[in-house]
């Protein structure tokens, strides 16, 4: 993936936080690419009862090769711009994983 260096990724206690732009109700689940400082992630489920948030976390986990339980939404649960915490990775490791996509 190109433009990974533009992403808002920060090292925090226990892992890393990344800015994500969510696109619920898409035709399929996937990491779309970089949109400004956010990672654009599309999911097929609608934004109801937290289902899209869980799906976004699962898509990111699968994309970077970590178990889904290590990824959670920590801010922006009700809007399209979110902050996701990925446990056990550094910012460098996350960027490298995204560059391989």
N, C-alpha and C. Protein backbone atom coordinates (compact mmCIF):
# COMPACT_ATOMS: atom_id res chain seq x y z
N UNK A 1 0.84 -1.17 0.00
CA UNK A 1 0.00 0.00 0.00
C UNK A 1 0.89 1.24 0.00
N UNK A 2 0.47 2.24 -0.74
CA UNK A 2 1.23 3.48 -0.84
C UNK A 2 0.74 4.50 0.20
N UNK A 3 1.57 5.49 0.48
CA UNK A 3 1.25 6.62 1.35
C UNK A 3 1.04 6.26 2.82
N UNK A 4 1.56 5.12 3.25
CA UNK A 4 1.41 4.69 4.64
C UNK A 4 2.04 5.69 5.60
N UNK A 5 3.08 6.39 5.15
CA UNK A 5 3.75 7.36 6.02
C UNK A 5 2.84 8.53 6.40
N UNK A 6 1.75 8.75 5.67
CA UNK A 6 0.81 9.83 5.97
C UNK A 6 -0.16 9.49 7.09
N UNK A 7 -0.27 8.22 7.44
CA UNK A 7 -1.25 7.78 8.43
C UNK A 7 -0.94 8.30 9.82
N UNK A 8 -2.00 8.62 10.56
CA UNK A 8 -1.90 9.02 11.96
C UNK A 8 -1.79 7.74 12.80
N UNK A 9 -0.55 7.35 13.10
CA UNK A 9 -0.27 6.15 13.89
C UNK A 9 0.62 6.58 15.04
N UNK A 10 0.21 6.23 16.28
CA UNK A 10 0.97 6.63 17.47
C UNK A 10 1.23 5.45 18.37
N UNK A 11 2.46 5.37 18.86
CA UNK A 11 2.78 4.38 19.89
C UNK A 11 2.12 4.81 21.19
N UNK A 12 1.48 3.87 21.87
CA UNK A 12 0.86 4.11 23.18
C UNK A 12 1.19 2.92 24.06
N UNK A 13 0.83 3.01 25.33
CA UNK A 13 1.08 1.90 26.25
C UNK A 13 0.40 0.63 25.74
N UNK A 14 1.17 -0.41 25.59
CA UNK A 14 0.64 -1.71 25.19
C UNK A 14 0.39 -1.90 23.71
N UNK A 15 0.72 -0.92 22.89
CA UNK A 15 0.49 -1.10 21.46
C UNK A 15 0.55 0.19 20.68
N UNK A 16 -0.40 0.35 19.77
CA UNK A 16 -0.40 1.48 18.84
C UNK A 16 -1.85 1.89 18.58
N UNK A 17 -2.05 3.18 18.29
CA UNK A 17 -3.37 3.69 17.92
C UNK A 17 -3.28 4.22 16.50
N UNK A 18 -4.28 3.88 15.68
CA UNK A 18 -4.32 4.32 14.28
C UNK A 18 -5.67 4.98 14.00
N UNK A 19 -5.65 6.05 13.22
CA UNK A 19 -6.87 6.72 12.79
C UNK A 19 -7.46 5.96 11.60
N UNK A 20 -8.76 5.71 11.66
CA UNK A 20 -9.45 4.94 10.63
C UNK A 20 -10.69 5.70 10.17
N UNK A 21 -10.93 5.71 8.87
CA UNK A 21 -12.16 6.23 8.28
C UNK A 21 -13.00 5.02 7.90
N UNK A 22 -14.14 4.86 8.57
CA UNK A 22 -15.00 3.70 8.36
C UNK A 22 -16.00 3.95 7.24
N UNK A 23 -16.22 2.92 6.42
CA UNK A 23 -17.21 2.97 5.35
C UNK A 23 -18.11 1.74 5.50
N UNK A 24 -19.14 1.83 6.36
CA UNK A 24 -20.05 0.69 6.53
C UNK A 24 -21.01 0.57 5.36
N UNK A 25 -21.59 -0.61 5.19
CA UNK A 25 -22.55 -0.83 4.12
C UNK A 25 -21.94 -0.99 2.75
N UNK A 26 -20.66 -1.30 2.68
CA UNK A 26 -19.97 -1.50 1.40
C UNK A 26 -20.28 -2.88 0.85
N UNK A 27 -19.86 -3.12 -0.37
CA UNK A 27 -20.13 -4.42 -0.99
C UNK A 27 -19.28 -5.54 -0.41
N UNK A 28 -18.10 -5.20 0.15
CA UNK A 28 -17.26 -6.24 0.76
C UNK A 28 -16.37 -5.63 1.83
N UNK A 29 -15.82 -6.49 2.68
CA UNK A 29 -14.93 -6.07 3.76
C UNK A 29 -13.50 -5.99 3.23
N UNK A 30 -12.87 -4.80 3.40
CA UNK A 30 -11.49 -4.67 2.94
C UNK A 30 -10.87 -3.36 3.42
N UNK A 31 -9.54 -3.34 3.42
CA UNK A 31 -8.80 -2.10 3.61
C UNK A 31 -8.73 -1.45 2.24
N UNK A 32 -9.28 -0.25 2.12
CA UNK A 32 -9.37 0.44 0.83
C UNK A 32 -8.06 1.14 0.50
N UNK A 33 -7.48 1.82 1.49
CA UNK A 33 -6.25 2.56 1.26
C UNK A 33 -6.11 3.70 2.24
N UNK A 34 -5.30 4.68 1.87
CA UNK A 34 -5.03 5.84 2.71
C UNK A 34 -5.89 7.00 2.25
N UNK A 35 -6.56 7.65 3.20
CA UNK A 35 -7.38 8.82 2.92
C UNK A 35 -6.95 9.91 3.89
N UNK A 36 -6.11 10.82 3.43
CA UNK A 36 -5.55 11.84 4.32
C UNK A 36 -4.65 11.19 5.35
N UNK A 37 -4.98 11.38 6.64
CA UNK A 37 -4.20 10.75 7.70
C UNK A 37 -4.87 9.49 8.25
N UNK A 38 -5.93 9.03 7.57
CA UNK A 38 -6.69 7.86 8.03
C UNK A 38 -6.51 6.66 7.10
N UNK A 39 -6.62 5.49 7.70
CA UNK A 39 -6.71 4.25 6.94
C UNK A 39 -8.18 4.04 6.62
N UNK A 40 -8.54 3.97 5.36
CA UNK A 40 -9.94 3.78 4.97
C UNK A 40 -10.26 2.29 4.95
N UNK A 41 -11.27 1.91 5.75
CA UNK A 41 -11.67 0.51 5.88
C UNK A 41 -13.15 0.39 5.56
N UNK A 42 -13.48 -0.46 4.60
CA UNK A 42 -14.87 -0.70 4.21
C UNK A 42 -15.35 -2.03 4.77
N UNK A 43 -16.59 -2.03 5.26
CA UNK A 43 -17.21 -3.27 5.76
C UNK A 43 -18.63 -3.36 5.21
N UNK A 44 -19.11 -4.58 5.06
CA UNK A 44 -20.42 -4.80 4.46
C UNK A 44 -21.58 -4.61 5.43
N UNK A 45 -21.33 -4.70 6.72
CA UNK A 45 -22.42 -4.58 7.70
C UNK A 45 -22.81 -3.12 7.90
N UNK A 46 -24.08 -2.88 8.24
CA UNK A 46 -24.52 -1.51 8.50
C UNK A 46 -24.04 -1.04 9.88
N UNK A 47 -24.02 0.27 10.10
CA UNK A 47 -23.56 0.79 11.39
C UNK A 47 -24.66 0.71 12.46
N UNK A 48 -25.00 -0.49 12.86
CA UNK A 48 -26.05 -0.72 13.85
C UNK A 48 -25.53 -1.55 15.01
N UNK A 49 -25.78 -1.07 16.23
CA UNK A 49 -25.47 -1.82 17.45
C UNK A 49 -24.01 -2.25 17.54
N UNK A 50 -23.10 -1.44 17.00
CA UNK A 50 -21.68 -1.74 17.10
C UNK A 50 -21.17 -2.82 16.16
N UNK A 51 -22.03 -3.32 15.30
CA UNK A 51 -21.61 -4.40 14.39
C UNK A 51 -20.53 -3.93 13.43
N UNK A 52 -20.66 -2.71 12.91
CA UNK A 52 -19.65 -2.20 11.98
C UNK A 52 -18.31 -2.00 12.69
N UNK A 53 -18.34 -1.53 13.94
CA UNK A 53 -17.09 -1.36 14.68
C UNK A 53 -16.36 -2.68 14.86
N UNK A 54 -17.10 -3.73 15.19
CA UNK A 54 -16.48 -5.05 15.34
C UNK A 54 -15.91 -5.54 14.01
N UNK A 55 -16.65 -5.30 12.94
CA UNK A 55 -16.19 -5.73 11.62
C UNK A 55 -14.94 -4.96 11.19
N UNK A 56 -14.90 -3.67 11.47
CA UNK A 56 -13.73 -2.85 11.13
C UNK A 56 -12.50 -3.35 11.87
N UNK A 57 -12.67 -3.64 13.16
CA UNK A 57 -11.55 -4.16 13.95
C UNK A 57 -11.08 -5.50 13.38
N UNK A 58 -12.01 -6.35 12.97
CA UNK A 58 -11.65 -7.66 12.42
C UNK A 58 -10.92 -7.51 11.08
N UNK A 59 -11.36 -6.59 10.24
CA UNK A 59 -10.70 -6.36 8.94
C UNK A 59 -9.27 -5.87 9.15
N UNK A 60 -9.08 -4.92 10.07
CA UNK A 60 -7.74 -4.42 10.35
C UNK A 60 -6.86 -5.52 10.92
N UNK A 61 -7.40 -6.31 11.84
CA UNK A 61 -6.63 -7.41 12.43
C UNK A 61 -6.16 -8.39 11.36
N UNK A 62 -7.07 -8.79 10.49
CA UNK A 62 -6.73 -9.72 9.42
C UNK A 62 -5.67 -9.12 8.49
N UNK A 63 -5.81 -7.84 8.18
CA UNK A 63 -4.89 -7.18 7.25
C UNK A 63 -3.46 -7.12 7.79
N UNK A 64 -3.32 -6.93 9.10
CA UNK A 64 -1.97 -6.79 9.68
C UNK A 64 -1.49 -8.07 10.35
N UNK A 65 -2.30 -9.12 10.32
CA UNK A 65 -1.86 -10.42 10.81
C UNK A 65 -1.84 -10.60 12.31
N UNK A 66 -2.82 -10.00 13.00
CA UNK A 66 -2.93 -10.20 14.45
C UNK A 66 -4.31 -10.77 14.76
N UNK A 67 -4.47 -11.43 15.91
CA UNK A 67 -5.80 -11.92 16.28
C UNK A 67 -6.77 -10.76 16.47
N UNK A 68 -8.03 -10.96 16.12
CA UNK A 68 -9.04 -9.91 16.22
C UNK A 68 -9.19 -9.40 17.65
N UNK A 69 -8.95 -10.23 18.64
CA UNK A 69 -9.09 -9.80 20.03
C UNK A 69 -8.08 -8.72 20.41
N UNK A 70 -7.03 -8.53 19.60
CA UNK A 70 -6.01 -7.52 19.89
C UNK A 70 -6.31 -6.16 19.27
N UNK A 71 -7.44 -6.03 18.59
CA UNK A 71 -7.81 -4.76 17.96
C UNK A 71 -9.17 -4.32 18.49
N UNK A 72 -9.24 -3.05 18.94
CA UNK A 72 -10.51 -2.53 19.45
C UNK A 72 -10.64 -1.05 19.13
N UNK A 73 -11.87 -0.61 19.00
CA UNK A 73 -12.16 0.81 18.77
C UNK A 73 -12.08 1.51 20.12
N UNK A 74 -11.25 2.55 20.21
CA UNK A 74 -11.10 3.28 21.48
C UNK A 74 -11.70 4.68 21.42
N UNK A 75 -12.03 5.18 20.25
CA UNK A 75 -12.68 6.48 20.11
C UNK A 75 -13.42 6.53 18.78
N UNK A 76 -14.52 7.28 18.76
CA UNK A 76 -15.29 7.44 17.53
C UNK A 76 -16.28 6.33 17.26
N UNK A 77 -16.75 5.67 18.32
CA UNK A 77 -17.66 4.53 18.13
C UNK A 77 -18.90 4.88 17.33
N UNK A 78 -19.38 6.13 17.42
CA UNK A 78 -20.61 6.50 16.74
C UNK A 78 -20.44 7.27 15.44
N UNK A 79 -19.22 7.45 14.99
CA UNK A 79 -18.99 8.22 13.77
C UNK A 79 -18.08 7.51 12.80
N UNK A 80 -17.87 8.10 11.63
CA UNK A 80 -17.04 7.43 10.63
C UNK A 80 -15.54 7.51 10.91
N UNK A 81 -15.09 8.53 11.64
CA UNK A 81 -13.66 8.64 11.97
C UNK A 81 -13.44 8.00 13.34
N UNK A 82 -12.56 7.01 13.37
CA UNK A 82 -12.35 6.23 14.58
C UNK A 82 -10.87 6.15 14.94
N UNK A 83 -10.60 5.79 16.17
CA UNK A 83 -9.26 5.49 16.63
C UNK A 83 -9.29 4.03 17.07
N UNK A 84 -8.42 3.21 16.49
CA UNK A 84 -8.35 1.80 16.85
C UNK A 84 -7.02 1.51 17.53
N UNK A 85 -7.08 0.75 18.60
CA UNK A 85 -5.89 0.32 19.33
C UNK A 85 -5.54 -1.09 18.88
N UNK A 86 -4.27 -1.29 18.52
CA UNK A 86 -3.77 -2.61 18.15
C UNK A 86 -2.75 -2.99 19.20
N UNK A 87 -3.07 -3.98 20.01
CA UNK A 87 -2.19 -4.40 21.09
C UNK A 87 -1.02 -5.21 20.56
N UNK A 88 0.15 -4.96 21.16
CA UNK A 88 1.32 -5.78 20.87
C UNK A 88 2.14 -5.39 19.66
N UNK A 89 1.77 -4.31 18.97
CA UNK A 89 2.55 -3.84 17.82
C UNK A 89 3.07 -2.43 18.10
N UNK A 90 4.18 -2.09 17.47
CA UNK A 90 4.68 -0.72 17.50
C UNK A 90 4.19 -0.01 16.25
N UNK A 91 4.34 1.31 16.22
CA UNK A 91 3.96 2.07 15.03
C UNK A 91 4.76 1.59 13.82
N UNK A 92 6.03 1.32 14.02
CA UNK A 92 6.88 0.84 12.92
C UNK A 92 6.36 -0.49 12.38
N UNK A 93 6.03 -1.42 13.28
CA UNK A 93 5.54 -2.73 12.86
C UNK A 93 4.21 -2.62 12.11
N UNK A 94 3.33 -1.74 12.59
CA UNK A 94 2.04 -1.57 11.93
C UNK A 94 2.23 -0.97 10.54
N UNK A 95 3.08 0.04 10.42
CA UNK A 95 3.35 0.64 9.11
C UNK A 95 3.92 -0.40 8.14
N UNK A 96 4.84 -1.22 8.62
CA UNK A 96 5.43 -2.25 7.76
C UNK A 96 4.38 -3.24 7.29
N UNK A 97 3.48 -3.64 8.19
CA UNK A 97 2.41 -4.58 7.81
C UNK A 97 1.48 -3.96 6.77
N UNK A 98 1.16 -2.68 6.93
CA UNK A 98 0.28 -2.01 5.98
C UNK A 98 0.96 -1.79 4.63
N UNK A 99 2.25 -1.55 4.65
CA UNK A 99 2.98 -1.37 3.38
C UNK A 99 2.96 -2.64 2.54
N UNK A 100 2.83 -3.80 3.17
CA UNK A 100 2.80 -5.07 2.44
C UNK A 100 1.46 -5.34 1.76
N UNK A 101 0.44 -4.55 2.09
CA UNK A 101 -0.89 -4.78 1.50
C UNK A 101 -0.93 -4.31 0.05
